[in-house]
Amino acid sequence: MYLDYSNRYCNFIGLDYLSHRKSGKEYQERIDSIKDWKKPNLNYFKAFDCSPSLDETRNTKILKFFVFYTDKDANCDIEEIQKPTITFKNLNILDYEFNLIKDSNVLIWIKKIEGESEGTYTDGSYAIRLNAEINFINKNSNVIYKQVILKCVGEPTEKFKKSKYSKSQDLYFGSLPLDEISNLIEKKW
C-alpha cells in the first residue's frame, strides 16, 4: 500500500498559515517547498530513525548527499523537516547533491540546538544564541560519522514587548550560518 503524505503536509501548512497569519508569499513558498520533496522522500522520513548513533571512528566517502534541517525542539515529524538553500562556491559539488534520498549515500542533517546565553533582559529572560549541529550520516547504517557544531549568526533583540503579567522566558536567536555550512560540506566532499 502506498501512502500519500503530501496532502497531509499541505493541510498542516494551511493550518499553520491560518494560525500564524503568514503572508501569502510565505505560504506559497512553503507549498512550493513541499512539491520539491517528492513522495519517496516523504516515505523515507516517515520511517527515519531520528536517533542515529554517533561513531566518529567510522568514515564514509560522500558519493551523493541529501541535506535537510530541523529547528530547535523539532520532533522529527515530516512537518518539521525542511530543505535549506545552500549556495556552494565549488559548482561541481552540485552534481553530488540530490533531491531524492534514495539516490544518496550520505544524509547531512542540520539541527538548530540551544547554545549559550549572551545576555539578560530586565525581566530576567535570557537571550540564548542557537547553534547549528551538522551531522554527516551514513544512510545505510544510520550512523553519524562526523558531527560539527557552528554558532548561528545574528544578534539578539535589544528590547521586546510582553504583558506585565507574563513570566520571563528565554528568547532564542540566530540564523543558520549557511556560508560556513557550505564550506564545511565542500571540505568533507
N, C-alpha and C. Protein backbone atom coordinates (compact mmCIF):
# COMPACT_ATOMS: atom_id res chain seq x y z
N MET A 1 0.84 -1.17 0.00
CA MET A 1 0.00 0.00 0.00
C MET A 1 0.90 1.25 0.00
N TYR A 2 0.60 2.21 -0.83
CA TYR A 2 1.40 3.43 -0.95
C TYR A 2 0.64 4.57 -0.29
N LEU A 3 1.21 5.16 0.75
CA LEU A 3 0.56 6.24 1.48
C LEU A 3 1.00 7.58 0.92
N ASP A 4 0.04 8.46 0.75
CA ASP A 4 0.33 9.79 0.23
C ASP A 4 0.27 10.79 1.38
N TYR A 5 1.46 11.26 1.81
CA TYR A 5 1.52 12.21 2.92
C TYR A 5 1.58 13.65 2.44
N SER A 6 1.67 13.85 1.15
CA SER A 6 1.82 15.21 0.66
C SER A 6 0.59 16.07 0.99
N ASN A 7 -0.62 15.50 0.88
CA ASN A 7 -1.81 16.28 1.19
C ASN A 7 -1.88 16.60 2.68
N ARG A 8 -1.49 15.63 3.53
CA ARG A 8 -1.48 15.86 4.98
C ARG A 8 -0.53 17.01 5.29
N TYR A 9 0.61 17.02 4.63
CA TYR A 9 1.59 18.08 4.87
C TYR A 9 1.05 19.42 4.38
N CYS A 10 0.40 19.43 3.21
CA CYS A 10 -0.19 20.67 2.71
C CYS A 10 -1.27 21.17 3.65
N ASN A 11 -2.07 20.24 4.21
CA ASN A 11 -3.10 20.65 5.16
C ASN A 11 -2.46 21.26 6.41
N PHE A 12 -1.35 20.68 6.86
CA PHE A 12 -0.65 21.23 8.02
C PHE A 12 -0.18 22.65 7.73
N ILE A 13 0.37 22.85 6.53
CA ILE A 13 0.84 24.18 6.16
C ILE A 13 -0.33 25.15 6.13
N GLY A 14 -1.48 24.70 5.63
CA GLY A 14 -2.67 25.55 5.61
C GLY A 14 -3.09 25.95 7.02
N LEU A 15 -3.06 25.00 7.95
CA LEU A 15 -3.40 25.31 9.34
C LEU A 15 -2.37 26.24 9.95
N ASP A 16 -1.11 26.00 9.63
CA ASP A 16 -0.03 26.86 10.12
C ASP A 16 -0.25 28.28 9.61
N TYR A 17 -0.63 28.41 8.35
CA TYR A 17 -0.88 29.71 7.77
C TYR A 17 -2.03 30.41 8.50
N LEU A 18 -3.13 29.67 8.73
CA LEU A 18 -4.28 30.27 9.39
C LEU A 18 -3.98 30.66 10.83
N SER A 19 -3.25 29.80 11.53
CA SER A 19 -2.99 30.08 12.94
C SER A 19 -1.95 31.17 13.14
N HIS A 20 -1.01 31.33 12.22
CA HIS A 20 0.03 32.33 12.38
C HIS A 20 -0.13 33.51 11.42
N ARG A 21 -1.14 33.46 10.57
CA ARG A 21 -1.42 34.55 9.62
C ARG A 21 -0.19 34.94 8.82
N LYS A 22 0.45 33.93 8.26
CA LYS A 22 1.62 34.21 7.43
C LYS A 22 1.16 34.89 6.15
N SER A 23 2.06 35.63 5.56
CA SER A 23 1.72 36.32 4.32
C SER A 23 1.49 35.29 3.21
N GLY A 24 0.79 35.70 2.19
CA GLY A 24 0.53 34.81 1.06
C GLY A 24 1.81 34.32 0.42
N LYS A 25 2.83 35.18 0.38
CA LYS A 25 4.11 34.81 -0.21
C LYS A 25 4.78 33.70 0.61
N GLU A 26 4.80 33.86 1.95
CA GLU A 26 5.41 32.83 2.81
C GLU A 26 4.66 31.51 2.68
N TYR A 27 3.33 31.59 2.63
CA TYR A 27 2.50 30.39 2.49
C TYR A 27 2.82 29.69 1.17
N GLN A 28 2.92 30.44 0.08
CA GLN A 28 3.20 29.86 -1.23
C GLN A 28 4.60 29.26 -1.27
N GLU A 29 5.57 29.90 -0.62
CA GLU A 29 6.93 29.35 -0.58
C GLU A 29 6.94 28.01 0.12
N ARG A 30 6.18 27.86 1.22
CA ARG A 30 6.12 26.59 1.94
C ARG A 30 5.46 25.52 1.07
N ILE A 31 4.38 25.87 0.36
CA ILE A 31 3.70 24.91 -0.52
C ILE A 31 4.65 24.49 -1.64
N ASP A 32 5.39 25.44 -2.22
CA ASP A 32 6.33 25.11 -3.29
C ASP A 32 7.44 24.19 -2.78
N SER A 33 7.89 24.40 -1.53
CA SER A 33 8.95 23.54 -1.00
C SER A 33 8.45 22.11 -0.80
N ILE A 34 7.18 21.97 -0.50
CA ILE A 34 6.61 20.62 -0.33
C ILE A 34 6.65 19.88 -1.67
N LYS A 35 6.34 20.57 -2.74
CA LYS A 35 6.32 19.94 -4.06
C LYS A 35 7.70 19.42 -4.44
N ASP A 36 8.77 20.05 -3.93
CA ASP A 36 10.13 19.62 -4.22
C ASP A 36 10.51 18.32 -3.51
N TRP A 37 9.79 17.96 -2.49
CA TRP A 37 10.20 16.82 -1.67
C TRP A 37 9.98 15.48 -2.36
N LYS A 38 8.98 15.31 -3.11
CA LYS A 38 8.68 14.08 -3.83
C LYS A 38 8.28 12.98 -2.85
N LYS A 39 7.41 12.09 -3.30
CA LYS A 39 6.84 11.04 -2.45
C LYS A 39 7.87 10.10 -1.84
N PRO A 40 8.90 9.65 -2.55
CA PRO A 40 9.88 8.76 -1.91
C PRO A 40 10.56 9.39 -0.69
N ASN A 41 10.82 10.70 -0.75
CA ASN A 41 11.43 11.38 0.40
C ASN A 41 10.46 11.41 1.57
N LEU A 42 9.19 11.69 1.29
CA LEU A 42 8.20 11.72 2.36
C LEU A 42 8.10 10.36 3.03
N ASN A 43 8.11 9.30 2.23
CA ASN A 43 8.03 7.96 2.80
C ASN A 43 9.30 7.61 3.58
N TYR A 44 10.46 8.06 3.12
CA TYR A 44 11.70 7.80 3.83
C TYR A 44 11.65 8.44 5.22
N PHE A 45 11.24 9.70 5.29
CA PHE A 45 11.21 10.39 6.57
C PHE A 45 10.13 9.84 7.50
N LYS A 46 9.12 9.21 6.94
CA LYS A 46 8.10 8.58 7.79
C LYS A 46 8.74 7.47 8.64
N ALA A 47 9.71 6.77 8.09
CA ALA A 47 10.35 5.66 8.80
C ALA A 47 11.74 6.02 9.35
N PHE A 48 12.16 7.27 9.19
CA PHE A 48 13.51 7.68 9.58
C PHE A 48 13.70 7.58 11.09
N ASP A 49 14.82 6.98 11.51
CA ASP A 49 15.18 6.90 12.93
C ASP A 49 15.86 8.21 13.31
N CYS A 50 15.19 8.99 14.13
CA CYS A 50 15.69 10.32 14.49
C CYS A 50 16.77 10.29 15.56
N SER A 51 17.23 9.11 15.92
CA SER A 51 18.28 9.00 16.94
C SER A 51 19.44 8.18 16.42
N PRO A 52 20.07 8.61 15.33
CA PRO A 52 21.20 7.82 14.84
C PRO A 52 22.33 7.81 15.86
N SER A 53 23.04 6.70 15.91
CA SER A 53 24.16 6.61 16.86
C SER A 53 25.34 7.41 16.32
N LEU A 54 26.20 7.83 17.24
CA LEU A 54 27.38 8.61 16.88
C LEU A 54 28.60 7.71 16.98
N ASP A 55 29.34 7.60 15.89
CA ASP A 55 30.57 6.81 15.87
C ASP A 55 31.55 7.51 14.94
N GLU A 56 32.35 8.42 15.49
CA GLU A 56 33.26 9.20 14.67
C GLU A 56 34.52 8.44 14.29
N THR A 57 34.61 7.17 14.68
CA THR A 57 35.74 6.35 14.23
C THR A 57 35.49 5.83 12.82
N ARG A 58 34.24 5.83 12.42
CA ARG A 58 33.88 5.42 11.06
C ARG A 58 34.07 6.59 10.11
N ASN A 59 34.18 6.29 8.85
CA ASN A 59 34.25 7.34 7.86
C ASN A 59 33.50 6.87 6.62
N THR A 60 32.89 7.78 5.93
CA THR A 60 32.14 7.46 4.72
C THR A 60 32.54 8.44 3.64
N LYS A 61 32.87 7.94 2.49
CA LYS A 61 33.16 8.80 1.36
C LYS A 61 31.83 9.29 0.79
N ILE A 62 31.70 10.59 0.66
CA ILE A 62 30.46 11.15 0.12
C ILE A 62 30.45 10.96 -1.40
N LEU A 63 29.54 10.12 -1.86
CA LEU A 63 29.35 9.94 -3.29
C LEU A 63 28.21 10.84 -3.77
N LYS A 64 27.12 10.80 -3.02
CA LYS A 64 25.95 11.62 -3.30
C LYS A 64 25.35 11.97 -1.95
N PHE A 65 24.83 13.19 -1.79
CA PHE A 65 24.30 13.58 -0.49
C PHE A 65 22.97 14.30 -0.61
N PHE A 66 22.27 14.31 0.51
CA PHE A 66 20.98 14.99 0.65
C PHE A 66 21.04 15.80 1.94
N VAL A 67 20.72 17.09 1.87
CA VAL A 67 20.80 17.98 3.03
C VAL A 67 19.38 18.35 3.49
N PHE A 68 19.17 18.31 4.82
CA PHE A 68 17.91 18.78 5.39
C PHE A 68 18.18 19.38 6.76
N TYR A 69 17.22 20.14 7.28
CA TYR A 69 17.41 20.70 8.62
C TYR A 69 16.12 20.71 9.41
N THR A 70 16.30 20.75 10.73
CA THR A 70 15.17 20.87 11.66
C THR A 70 15.47 22.01 12.62
N ASP A 71 14.42 22.64 13.07
CA ASP A 71 14.55 23.74 14.00
C ASP A 71 14.70 23.22 15.43
N LYS A 72 14.98 24.11 16.36
CA LYS A 72 15.14 23.74 17.77
C LYS A 72 13.84 23.09 18.27
N ASP A 73 13.97 22.06 19.05
CA ASP A 73 12.85 21.33 19.66
C ASP A 73 11.95 20.65 18.64
N ALA A 74 12.42 20.41 17.43
CA ALA A 74 11.62 19.70 16.43
C ALA A 74 11.51 18.24 16.85
N ASN A 75 10.36 17.66 16.58
CA ASN A 75 10.11 16.27 16.96
C ASN A 75 10.42 15.29 15.85
N CYS A 76 11.05 15.75 14.80
CA CYS A 76 11.43 14.90 13.68
C CYS A 76 10.22 14.40 12.90
N ASP A 77 9.14 15.15 12.90
CA ASP A 77 7.99 14.85 12.05
C ASP A 77 8.25 15.46 10.69
N ILE A 78 7.64 14.89 9.67
CA ILE A 78 7.84 15.39 8.31
C ILE A 78 7.47 16.88 8.22
N GLU A 79 6.52 17.31 9.03
CA GLU A 79 6.11 18.71 9.00
C GLU A 79 7.21 19.65 9.48
N GLU A 80 8.18 19.12 10.22
CA GLU A 80 9.22 19.94 10.80
C GLU A 80 10.55 19.87 10.04
N ILE A 81 10.64 19.00 9.06
CA ILE A 81 11.86 18.82 8.30
C ILE A 81 11.82 19.74 7.09
N GLN A 82 12.90 20.47 6.88
CA GLN A 82 12.95 21.43 5.78
C GLN A 82 14.22 21.24 4.96
N LYS A 83 14.18 21.71 3.74
CA LYS A 83 15.33 21.64 2.85
C LYS A 83 15.94 23.03 2.77
N PRO A 84 17.16 23.21 3.29
CA PRO A 84 17.78 24.55 3.23
C PRO A 84 18.31 24.86 1.84
N THR A 85 18.45 26.13 1.55
CA THR A 85 19.04 26.58 0.30
C THR A 85 20.50 26.94 0.59
N ILE A 86 21.39 26.10 0.13
CA ILE A 86 22.82 26.31 0.36
C ILE A 86 23.49 26.60 -0.97
N THR A 87 24.27 27.67 -1.02
CA THR A 87 25.00 28.04 -2.22
C THR A 87 26.45 27.59 -2.06
N PHE A 88 26.90 26.79 -3.00
CA PHE A 88 28.27 26.28 -2.96
C PHE A 88 29.16 27.10 -3.88
N LYS A 89 30.38 27.35 -3.43
CA LYS A 89 31.35 28.06 -4.27
C LYS A 89 31.87 27.15 -5.37
N ASN A 90 32.08 25.89 -5.03
CA ASN A 90 32.53 24.90 -6.00
C ASN A 90 31.29 24.32 -6.69
N LEU A 91 31.03 24.76 -7.89
CA LEU A 91 29.81 24.35 -8.58
C LEU A 91 29.80 22.87 -8.95
N ASN A 92 30.95 22.21 -8.97
CA ASN A 92 31.00 20.77 -9.25
C ASN A 92 30.26 19.96 -8.19
N ILE A 93 30.18 20.49 -7.00
CA ILE A 93 29.53 19.76 -5.92
C ILE A 93 28.03 19.59 -6.18
N LEU A 94 27.46 20.45 -7.00
CA LEU A 94 26.03 20.36 -7.31
C LEU A 94 25.69 19.04 -8.01
N ASP A 95 26.68 18.43 -8.67
CA ASP A 95 26.44 17.14 -9.31
C ASP A 95 26.26 16.02 -8.29
N TYR A 96 26.60 16.30 -7.03
CA TYR A 96 26.55 15.29 -5.98
C TYR A 96 25.45 15.54 -4.95
N GLU A 97 24.78 16.70 -5.04
CA GLU A 97 23.65 16.98 -4.15
C GLU A 97 22.38 16.53 -4.87
N PHE A 98 21.63 15.65 -4.22
CA PHE A 98 20.45 15.08 -4.85
C PHE A 98 19.18 15.48 -4.13
N ASN A 99 18.09 15.52 -4.87
CA ASN A 99 16.79 15.85 -4.31
C ASN A 99 16.05 14.61 -3.83
N LEU A 100 16.53 13.44 -4.21
CA LEU A 100 15.91 12.19 -3.75
C LEU A 100 16.86 11.47 -2.81
N ILE A 101 16.37 11.16 -1.64
CA ILE A 101 17.20 10.48 -0.63
C ILE A 101 17.69 9.14 -1.13
N LYS A 102 16.85 8.42 -1.86
CA LYS A 102 17.23 7.08 -2.32
C LYS A 102 18.48 7.10 -3.20
N ASP A 103 18.79 8.22 -3.82
CA ASP A 103 19.97 8.34 -4.67
C ASP A 103 21.22 8.74 -3.89
N SER A 104 21.10 8.96 -2.58
CA SER A 104 22.21 9.46 -1.77
C SER A 104 22.80 8.36 -0.89
N ASN A 105 24.09 8.49 -0.59
CA ASN A 105 24.68 7.58 0.39
C ASN A 105 24.93 8.29 1.72
N VAL A 106 24.88 9.64 1.73
CA VAL A 106 25.08 10.41 2.95
C VAL A 106 23.94 11.41 3.12
N LEU A 107 23.43 11.45 4.34
CA LEU A 107 22.46 12.48 4.71
C LEU A 107 23.20 13.51 5.55
N ILE A 108 22.95 14.77 5.29
CA ILE A 108 23.54 15.84 6.09
C ILE A 108 22.39 16.53 6.80
N TRP A 109 22.31 16.25 8.11
CA TRP A 109 21.21 16.75 8.93
C TRP A 109 21.72 17.94 9.74
N ILE A 110 21.14 19.09 9.49
CA ILE A 110 21.49 20.31 10.21
C ILE A 110 20.38 20.55 11.23
N LYS A 111 20.76 20.57 12.49
CA LYS A 111 19.77 20.80 13.56
C LYS A 111 20.15 22.08 14.30
N LYS A 112 19.14 22.91 14.55
CA LYS A 112 19.37 24.06 15.42
C LYS A 112 19.25 23.55 16.85
N ILE A 113 20.27 23.85 17.65
CA ILE A 113 20.27 23.43 19.06
C ILE A 113 20.58 24.64 19.94
N GLU A 114 20.25 24.51 21.20
CA GLU A 114 20.48 25.60 22.15
C GLU A 114 21.97 25.81 22.36
N GLY A 115 22.36 27.07 22.34
CA GLY A 115 23.75 27.42 22.59
C GLY A 115 23.90 28.08 23.95
N GLU A 116 24.71 29.12 24.01
CA GLU A 116 25.00 29.78 25.27
C GLU A 116 24.20 31.07 25.42
N SER A 117 23.98 31.44 26.66
CA SER A 117 23.31 32.70 26.97
C SER A 117 24.27 33.84 26.64
N GLU A 118 23.73 34.88 25.99
CA GLU A 118 24.57 36.02 25.63
C GLU A 118 24.06 37.31 26.25
N GLY A 119 23.21 37.20 27.24
CA GLY A 119 22.72 38.40 27.92
C GLY A 119 21.39 38.14 28.59
N THR A 120 20.96 39.13 29.37
CA THR A 120 19.67 39.04 30.04
C THR A 120 18.87 40.31 29.78
N TYR A 121 17.57 40.18 29.91
CA TYR A 121 16.67 41.31 29.78
C TYR A 121 16.23 41.75 31.17
N THR A 122 15.60 42.91 31.26
CA THR A 122 15.23 43.47 32.56
C THR A 122 14.26 42.58 33.33
N ASP A 123 13.49 41.74 32.64
CA ASP A 123 12.53 40.87 33.33
C ASP A 123 13.15 39.54 33.77
N GLY A 124 14.45 39.36 33.51
CA GLY A 124 15.11 38.11 33.89
C GLY A 124 15.21 37.10 32.77
N SER A 125 14.64 37.39 31.61
CA SER A 125 14.72 36.48 30.46
C SER A 125 16.15 36.47 29.93
N TYR A 126 16.56 35.35 29.36
CA TYR A 126 17.89 35.23 28.78
C TYR A 126 17.82 35.28 27.26
N ALA A 127 18.81 35.90 26.64
CA ALA A 127 18.98 35.87 25.19
C ALA A 127 19.96 34.72 24.91
N ILE A 128 19.47 33.69 24.24
CA ILE A 128 20.28 32.49 24.02
C ILE A 128 20.53 32.30 22.53
N ARG A 129 21.81 32.25 22.17
CA ARG A 129 22.19 32.02 20.77
C ARG A 129 21.95 30.55 20.42
N LEU A 130 21.42 30.33 19.23
CA LEU A 130 21.28 28.97 18.73
C LEU A 130 22.58 28.54 18.05
N ASN A 131 22.83 27.26 18.03
CA ASN A 131 23.95 26.68 17.30
C ASN A 131 23.40 25.78 16.21
N ALA A 132 24.20 25.54 15.20
CA ALA A 132 23.84 24.60 14.13
C ALA A 132 24.69 23.34 14.33
N GLU A 133 24.02 22.23 14.58
CA GLU A 133 24.70 20.94 14.71
C GLU A 133 24.60 20.25 13.36
N ILE A 134 25.73 20.03 12.72
CA ILE A 134 25.76 19.41 11.39
C ILE A 134 26.19 17.96 11.57
N ASN A 135 25.30 17.06 11.18
CA ASN A 135 25.54 15.62 11.32
C ASN A 135 25.68 15.00 9.93
N PHE A 136 26.80 14.34 9.69
CA PHE A 136 27.02 13.59 8.47
C PHE A 136 26.65 12.14 8.78
N ILE A 137 25.59 11.65 8.13
CA ILE A 137 25.03 10.34 8.46
C ILE A 137 25.19 9.39 7.28
N ASN A 138 25.77 8.22 7.55
CA ASN A 138 25.79 7.15 6.56
C ASN A 138 24.36 6.64 6.45
N LYS A 139 23.75 6.81 5.29
CA LYS A 139 22.34 6.48 5.14
C LYS A 139 22.06 5.00 5.37
N ASN A 140 22.95 4.13 4.92
CA ASN A 140 22.69 2.69 5.04
C ASN A 140 22.77 2.19 6.48
N SER A 141 23.72 2.70 7.26
CA SER A 141 23.87 2.22 8.64
C SER A 141 23.19 3.13 9.66
N ASN A 142 22.73 4.31 9.23
CA ASN A 142 22.13 5.31 10.11
C ASN A 142 23.06 5.67 11.28
N VAL A 143 24.34 5.85 10.95
CA VAL A 143 25.35 6.21 11.94
C VAL A 143 25.91 7.58 11.58
N ILE A 144 25.99 8.45 12.59
CA ILE A 144 26.63 9.75 12.40
C ILE A 144 28.13 9.51 12.47
N TYR A 145 28.81 9.75 11.36
CA TYR A 145 30.26 9.52 11.35
C TYR A 145 31.05 10.83 11.52
N LYS A 146 30.37 11.96 11.44
CA LYS A 146 31.02 13.24 11.70
C LYS A 146 29.97 14.22 12.21
N GLN A 147 30.30 14.93 13.30
CA GLN A 147 29.39 15.91 13.87
C GLN A 147 30.17 17.19 14.15
N VAL A 148 29.65 18.31 13.66
CA VAL A 148 30.30 19.61 13.84
C VAL A 148 29.25 20.59 14.35
N ILE A 149 29.64 21.43 15.30
CA ILE A 149 28.72 22.45 15.82
C ILE A 149 29.27 23.83 15.47
N LEU A 150 28.42 24.64 14.84
CA LEU A 150 28.77 26.01 14.45
C LEU A 150 27.79 26.97 15.12
N LYS A 151 28.28 28.16 15.48
CA LYS A 151 27.39 29.17 16.06
C LYS A 151 26.51 29.76 14.97
N CYS A 152 25.23 29.94 15.28
CA CYS A 152 24.34 30.62 14.35
C CYS A 152 24.69 32.10 14.33
N VAL A 153 24.29 32.79 13.28
CA VAL A 153 24.65 34.19 13.09
C VAL A 153 23.48 35.10 13.46
N GLY A 154 23.81 36.34 13.79
CA GLY A 154 22.78 37.32 14.13
C GLY A 154 22.97 37.84 15.54
N GLU A 155 22.22 38.86 15.87
CA GLU A 155 22.30 39.48 17.19
C GLU A 155 20.95 39.37 17.89
N PRO A 156 20.97 39.35 19.23
CA PRO A 156 19.70 39.26 19.96
C PRO A 156 18.92 40.56 19.84
N THR A 157 17.62 40.45 20.04
CA THR A 157 16.75 41.61 20.05
C THR A 157 17.10 42.48 21.25
N GLU A 158 17.22 43.78 21.03
CA GLU A 158 17.57 44.66 22.14
C GLU A 158 16.44 44.80 23.13
N LYS A 159 15.22 44.95 22.64
CA LYS A 159 14.05 45.10 23.51
C LYS A 159 12.93 44.24 22.95
N PHE A 160 12.03 43.84 23.81
CA PHE A 160 10.85 43.13 23.35
C PHE A 160 9.68 43.52 24.24
N LYS A 161 8.48 43.41 23.70
CA LYS A 161 7.28 43.76 24.45
C LYS A 161 6.62 42.49 24.95
N LYS A 162 6.11 42.57 26.15
CA LYS A 162 5.35 41.45 26.69
C LYS A 162 4.37 42.01 27.69
N SER A 163 3.42 41.20 28.03
CA SER A 163 2.43 41.60 29.01
C SER A 163 3.09 41.72 30.38
N LYS A 164 2.64 42.67 31.18
CA LYS A 164 3.25 42.83 32.50
C LYS A 164 2.94 41.65 33.41
N TYR A 165 1.98 40.79 33.02
CA TYR A 165 1.63 39.64 33.84
C TYR A 165 2.30 38.35 33.37
N SER A 166 2.97 38.38 32.23
CA SER A 166 3.60 37.16 31.73
C SER A 166 4.93 36.92 32.42
N LYS A 167 5.27 35.65 32.55
CA LYS A 167 6.52 35.25 33.19
C LYS A 167 7.68 35.46 32.23
N SER A 168 8.88 35.56 32.79
CA SER A 168 10.05 35.69 31.93
C SER A 168 10.27 34.38 31.18
N GLN A 169 10.80 34.48 30.00
CA GLN A 169 11.08 33.29 29.20
C GLN A 169 12.33 33.54 28.37
N ASP A 170 13.04 32.46 28.09
CA ASP A 170 14.25 32.59 27.30
C ASP A 170 13.89 32.94 25.86
N LEU A 171 14.69 33.81 25.25
CA LEU A 171 14.49 34.20 23.86
C LEU A 171 15.67 33.68 23.04
N TYR A 172 15.37 32.85 22.05
CA TYR A 172 16.40 32.25 21.22
C TYR A 172 16.58 33.07 19.95
N PHE A 173 17.81 33.16 19.49
CA PHE A 173 18.08 33.92 18.27
C PHE A 173 19.21 33.24 17.50
N GLY A 174 19.28 33.57 16.21
CA GLY A 174 20.35 33.08 15.36
C GLY A 174 19.80 32.41 14.11
N SER A 175 20.44 32.70 13.00
CA SER A 175 20.11 32.08 11.71
C SER A 175 21.21 31.10 11.33
N LEU A 176 20.87 30.13 10.51
CA LEU A 176 21.87 29.16 10.09
C LEU A 176 23.04 29.86 9.40
N PRO A 177 24.27 29.51 9.76
CA PRO A 177 25.45 30.10 9.10
C PRO A 177 25.70 29.38 7.77
N LEU A 178 24.90 29.70 6.77
CA LEU A 178 24.91 28.95 5.50
C LEU A 178 26.26 28.97 4.80
N ASP A 179 27.00 30.07 4.88
CA ASP A 179 28.34 30.11 4.25
C ASP A 179 29.28 29.12 4.91
N GLU A 180 29.27 29.08 6.24
CA GLU A 180 30.13 28.14 6.96
C GLU A 180 29.72 26.70 6.70
N ILE A 181 28.41 26.46 6.62
CA ILE A 181 27.92 25.11 6.34
C ILE A 181 28.34 24.68 4.94
N SER A 182 28.23 25.60 3.98
CA SER A 182 28.66 25.34 2.61
C SER A 182 30.14 24.97 2.58
N ASN A 183 30.98 25.74 3.27
CA ASN A 183 32.42 25.46 3.31
C ASN A 183 32.70 24.11 3.96
N LEU A 184 31.98 23.79 5.02
CA LEU A 184 32.17 22.52 5.71
C LEU A 184 31.84 21.34 4.80
N ILE A 185 30.72 21.43 4.10
CA ILE A 185 30.33 20.34 3.19
C ILE A 185 31.34 20.21 2.07
N GLU A 186 31.81 21.32 1.53
CA GLU A 186 32.82 21.25 0.46
C GLU A 186 34.10 20.61 0.95
N LYS A 187 34.50 20.87 2.19
CA LYS A 187 35.72 20.24 2.75
C LYS A 187 35.54 18.74 2.92
N LYS A 188 34.34 18.30 3.33
CA LYS A 188 34.09 16.88 3.57
C LYS A 188 33.89 16.11 2.27
N TRP A 189 33.54 16.81 1.21
CA TRP A 189 33.29 16.18 -0.08
C TRP A 189 34.58 15.87 -0.71
